[in-house]
Amino acid sequence: MIRLNCPVCGLRDETEFTYLGDATARRPKMDETDPKPWVDFVFFRDNPRGSHKEYWHHVLGCRQWLIVERDTVSHDISSSSLAKDVSA
């Protein structure tokens, strides 16, 4: 089991969270009319090996969105912070 350190609630089991995806993916601008950037954003993602930033939602706790840096091979967590505190 993965244990995530929520900056608000402290160390918690992953079962309190929902994984929300890649925190490095950049959404196309809302006025983008070409479907290709949207198709690429929604359907084509890298599957990185090693350190990767991810969105997690603390559903059963403070309900904050977090950005967690996790190693996708070992599942070691190197950092977690509130998404609202991280500049884009």
N, C-alpha and C. Protein backbone atom coordinates (compact mmCIF):
# COMPACT_ATOMS: atom_id res chain seq x y z
N MET A 1 0.84 -1.17 0.00
CA MET A 1 0.00 0.00 0.00
C MET A 1 0.88 1.24 0.00
N ILE A 2 0.44 2.23 -0.76
CA ILE A 2 1.13 3.51 -0.79
C ILE A 2 0.59 4.38 0.36
N ARG A 3 1.50 5.09 1.01
CA ARG A 3 1.11 6.05 2.06
C ARG A 3 1.48 7.44 1.53
N LEU A 4 0.50 8.33 1.48
CA LEU A 4 0.72 9.68 0.98
C LEU A 4 0.70 10.66 2.14
N ASN A 5 1.63 11.60 2.11
CA ASN A 5 1.68 12.62 3.14
C ASN A 5 0.88 13.84 2.68
N CYS A 6 -0.31 13.97 3.20
CA CYS A 6 -1.15 15.12 2.89
C CYS A 6 -0.64 16.30 3.71
N PRO A 7 -0.37 17.44 3.06
CA PRO A 7 0.12 18.61 3.81
C PRO A 7 -0.87 19.11 4.86
N VAL A 8 -2.15 18.78 4.72
CA VAL A 8 -3.17 19.22 5.68
C VAL A 8 -3.40 18.17 6.76
N CYS A 9 -3.55 16.90 6.36
CA CYS A 9 -3.97 15.84 7.28
C CYS A 9 -2.85 14.93 7.78
N GLY A 10 -1.68 15.00 7.17
CA GLY A 10 -0.58 14.12 7.55
C GLY A 10 -0.56 12.84 6.74
N LEU A 11 0.18 11.86 7.21
CA LEU A 11 0.38 10.59 6.51
C LEU A 11 -0.90 9.77 6.49
N ARG A 12 -1.35 9.37 5.29
CA ARG A 12 -2.60 8.63 5.13
C ARG A 12 -2.43 7.52 4.10
N ASP A 13 -3.29 6.49 4.21
CA ASP A 13 -3.30 5.40 3.23
C ASP A 13 -3.83 5.88 1.90
N GLU A 14 -3.37 5.28 0.81
CA GLU A 14 -3.82 5.67 -0.53
C GLU A 14 -5.31 5.47 -0.73
N THR A 15 -5.94 4.62 0.08
CA THR A 15 -7.38 4.36 -0.06
C THR A 15 -8.22 5.59 0.24
N GLU A 16 -7.63 6.61 0.89
CA GLU A 16 -8.34 7.86 1.15
C GLU A 16 -8.29 8.81 -0.05
N PHE A 17 -7.51 8.46 -1.06
CA PHE A 17 -7.26 9.35 -2.19
C PHE A 17 -7.78 8.75 -3.50
N THR A 18 -7.97 9.61 -4.46
CA THR A 18 -8.27 9.20 -5.83
C THR A 18 -7.17 9.75 -6.73
N TYR A 19 -6.61 8.88 -7.56
CA TYR A 19 -5.58 9.28 -8.51
C TYR A 19 -6.25 10.04 -9.64
N LEU A 20 -5.70 11.21 -9.98
CA LEU A 20 -6.33 12.05 -11.00
C LEU A 20 -5.50 12.21 -12.27
N GLY A 21 -4.31 11.64 -12.31
CA GLY A 21 -3.55 11.67 -13.56
C GLY A 21 -2.28 12.50 -13.51
N ASP A 22 -1.74 12.66 -14.69
CA ASP A 22 -0.46 13.31 -14.94
C ASP A 22 -0.54 14.81 -14.61
N ALA A 23 0.30 15.26 -13.71
CA ALA A 23 0.31 16.68 -13.33
C ALA A 23 1.20 17.51 -14.25
N THR A 24 1.84 16.87 -15.23
CA THR A 24 2.70 17.61 -16.15
C THR A 24 2.03 17.85 -17.50
N ALA A 25 0.90 17.19 -17.76
CA ALA A 25 0.20 17.36 -19.04
C ALA A 25 -0.38 18.77 -19.10
N ARG A 26 -0.23 19.42 -20.23
CA ARG A 26 -0.74 20.77 -20.41
C ARG A 26 -1.97 20.75 -21.31
N ARG A 27 -3.07 21.23 -20.77
CA ARG A 27 -4.34 21.28 -21.48
C ARG A 27 -4.27 22.31 -22.61
N PRO A 28 -4.84 21.98 -23.77
CA PRO A 28 -4.91 22.99 -24.84
C PRO A 28 -5.78 24.17 -24.40
N LYS A 29 -5.58 25.30 -25.04
CA LYS A 29 -6.40 26.49 -24.73
C LYS A 29 -7.86 26.19 -25.05
N MET A 30 -8.76 26.75 -24.27
CA MET A 30 -10.18 26.47 -24.42
C MET A 30 -10.73 26.89 -25.78
N ASP A 31 -10.10 27.84 -26.44
CA ASP A 31 -10.59 28.26 -27.75
C ASP A 31 -9.94 27.49 -28.90
N GLU A 32 -9.19 26.43 -28.57
CA GLU A 32 -8.56 25.60 -29.61
C GLU A 32 -9.64 24.87 -30.38
N THR A 33 -9.68 25.05 -31.71
CA THR A 33 -10.71 24.40 -32.53
C THR A 33 -10.19 23.19 -33.29
N ASP A 34 -8.87 23.07 -33.41
CA ASP A 34 -8.29 21.90 -34.06
C ASP A 34 -8.42 20.70 -33.12
N PRO A 35 -9.04 19.60 -33.56
CA PRO A 35 -9.24 18.46 -32.66
C PRO A 35 -7.95 17.72 -32.27
N LYS A 36 -6.89 17.81 -33.07
CA LYS A 36 -5.67 17.04 -32.79
C LYS A 36 -5.07 17.33 -31.41
N PRO A 37 -4.89 18.61 -31.00
CA PRO A 37 -4.35 18.84 -29.66
C PRO A 37 -5.23 18.26 -28.55
N TRP A 38 -6.54 18.29 -28.74
CA TRP A 38 -7.46 17.73 -27.74
C TRP A 38 -7.37 16.21 -27.70
N VAL A 39 -7.30 15.58 -28.87
CA VAL A 39 -7.16 14.11 -28.93
C VAL A 39 -5.85 13.70 -28.27
N ASP A 40 -4.77 14.42 -28.58
CA ASP A 40 -3.48 14.10 -27.97
C ASP A 40 -3.54 14.27 -26.45
N PHE A 41 -4.17 15.33 -25.97
CA PHE A 41 -4.26 15.60 -24.53
C PHE A 41 -5.07 14.52 -23.81
N VAL A 42 -6.18 14.11 -24.40
CA VAL A 42 -7.08 13.16 -23.74
C VAL A 42 -6.60 11.72 -23.86
N PHE A 43 -6.10 11.31 -25.04
CA PHE A 43 -5.86 9.89 -25.29
C PHE A 43 -4.41 9.46 -25.35
N PHE A 44 -3.48 10.35 -25.64
CA PHE A 44 -2.10 9.94 -25.83
C PHE A 44 -1.22 10.52 -24.74
N ARG A 45 -0.81 9.66 -23.82
CA ARG A 45 0.03 10.07 -22.69
C ARG A 45 1.26 9.18 -22.61
N ASP A 46 2.32 9.77 -22.10
CA ASP A 46 3.53 8.98 -21.83
C ASP A 46 3.28 8.11 -20.61
N ASN A 47 3.99 7.01 -20.54
CA ASN A 47 3.95 6.13 -19.38
C ASN A 47 5.37 6.13 -18.80
N PRO A 48 5.71 7.16 -18.01
CA PRO A 48 7.09 7.34 -17.59
C PRO A 48 7.58 6.27 -16.62
N ARG A 49 8.86 6.03 -16.68
CA ARG A 49 9.52 5.13 -15.74
C ARG A 49 10.40 6.01 -14.87
N GLY A 50 10.17 5.97 -13.56
CA GLY A 50 10.95 6.80 -12.65
C GLY A 50 10.10 7.89 -12.02
N SER A 51 10.74 8.98 -11.67
CA SER A 51 10.07 10.07 -10.97
C SER A 51 9.04 10.75 -11.86
N HIS A 52 7.85 10.98 -11.29
CA HIS A 52 6.75 11.55 -12.07
C HIS A 52 5.81 12.31 -11.15
N LYS A 53 5.31 13.47 -11.62
CA LYS A 53 4.36 14.26 -10.84
C LYS A 53 2.93 13.87 -11.22
N GLU A 54 2.11 13.66 -10.19
CA GLU A 54 0.73 13.19 -10.38
C GLU A 54 -0.24 14.01 -9.53
N TYR A 55 -1.47 14.14 -10.02
CA TYR A 55 -2.53 14.73 -9.21
C TYR A 55 -3.21 13.64 -8.39
N TRP A 56 -3.44 13.92 -7.12
CA TRP A 56 -4.21 13.04 -6.24
C TRP A 56 -5.22 13.92 -5.51
N HIS A 57 -6.40 13.39 -5.29
CA HIS A 57 -7.47 14.12 -4.60
C HIS A 57 -7.73 13.42 -3.27
N HIS A 58 -7.66 14.16 -2.16
CA HIS A 58 -7.88 13.57 -0.83
C HIS A 58 -9.39 13.52 -0.56
N VAL A 59 -10.03 12.55 -1.16
CA VAL A 59 -11.49 12.42 -1.15
C VAL A 59 -12.03 12.17 0.25
N LEU A 60 -11.39 11.32 1.02
CA LEU A 60 -11.90 10.95 2.35
C LEU A 60 -11.25 11.74 3.47
N GLY A 61 -10.65 12.86 3.12
CA GLY A 61 -10.01 13.71 4.13
C GLY A 61 -10.39 15.15 3.90
N CYS A 62 -9.40 15.98 3.69
CA CYS A 62 -9.60 17.43 3.57
C CYS A 62 -10.13 17.86 2.22
N ARG A 63 -10.21 16.93 1.26
CA ARG A 63 -10.74 17.16 -0.09
C ARG A 63 -9.87 18.09 -0.93
N GLN A 64 -8.62 18.24 -0.53
CA GLN A 64 -7.67 19.06 -1.30
C GLN A 64 -7.07 18.26 -2.44
N TRP A 65 -6.68 18.96 -3.50
CA TRP A 65 -5.93 18.34 -4.59
C TRP A 65 -4.45 18.48 -4.27
N LEU A 66 -3.72 17.40 -4.48
CA LEU A 66 -2.28 17.38 -4.21
C LEU A 66 -1.51 17.12 -5.49
N ILE A 67 -0.29 17.59 -5.52
CA ILE A 67 0.66 17.16 -6.54
C ILE A 67 1.70 16.32 -5.80
N VAL A 68 1.77 15.06 -6.19
CA VAL A 68 2.65 14.09 -5.55
C VAL A 68 3.73 13.69 -6.55
N GLU A 69 4.98 13.73 -6.12
CA GLU A 69 6.06 13.23 -6.95
C GLU A 69 6.37 11.81 -6.49
N ARG A 70 6.10 10.85 -7.40
CA ARG A 70 6.20 9.43 -7.06
C ARG A 70 7.07 8.72 -8.08
N ASP A 71 7.88 7.79 -7.62
CA ASP A 71 8.67 6.95 -8.51
C ASP A 71 7.75 5.83 -9.00
N THR A 72 7.54 5.75 -10.29
CA THR A 72 6.60 4.77 -10.84
C THR A 72 7.12 3.33 -10.79
N VAL A 73 8.39 3.16 -10.50
CA VAL A 73 8.96 1.81 -10.39
C VAL A 73 8.87 1.31 -8.95
N SER A 74 9.35 2.12 -8.00
CA SER A 74 9.40 1.69 -6.60
C SER A 74 8.21 2.18 -5.77
N HIS A 75 7.43 3.13 -6.31
CA HIS A 75 6.30 3.77 -5.63
C HIS A 75 6.75 4.64 -4.45
N ASP A 76 8.04 4.94 -4.35
CA ASP A 76 8.53 5.85 -3.30
C ASP A 76 8.01 7.26 -3.59
N ILE A 77 7.55 7.92 -2.56
CA ILE A 77 7.05 9.29 -2.66
C ILE A 77 8.16 10.23 -2.23
N SER A 78 8.55 11.16 -3.11
CA SER A 78 9.62 12.09 -2.75
C SER A 78 9.07 13.44 -2.29
N SER A 79 7.84 13.80 -2.70
CA SER A 79 7.26 15.05 -2.23
C SER A 79 5.76 15.05 -2.46
N SER A 80 5.07 15.85 -1.68
CA SER A 80 3.65 16.10 -1.92
C SER A 80 3.35 17.52 -1.46
N SER A 81 2.54 18.21 -2.24
CA SER A 81 2.19 19.59 -1.92
C SER A 81 0.78 19.88 -2.41
N LEU A 82 0.18 20.90 -1.85
CA LEU A 82 -1.14 21.29 -2.29
C LEU A 82 -1.05 21.84 -3.71
N ALA A 83 -1.92 21.39 -4.59
CA ALA A 83 -1.87 21.82 -5.98
C ALA A 83 -2.08 23.33 -6.09
N LYS A 84 -2.89 23.90 -5.21
CA LYS A 84 -3.14 25.34 -5.28
C LYS A 84 -1.91 26.17 -4.94
N ASP A 85 -0.91 25.56 -4.29
CA ASP A 85 0.31 26.27 -3.90
C ASP A 85 1.43 26.13 -4.93
N VAL A 86 1.23 25.31 -5.97
CA VAL A 86 2.25 25.05 -6.97
C VAL A 86 1.96 25.91 -8.19
N SER A 87 2.93 26.71 -8.61
CA SER A 87 2.72 27.55 -9.80
C SER A 87 2.83 26.70 -11.06
N ALA A 88 2.01 27.04 -12.03
CA ALA A 88 1.95 26.27 -13.28
C ALA A 88 3.15 26.52 -14.15
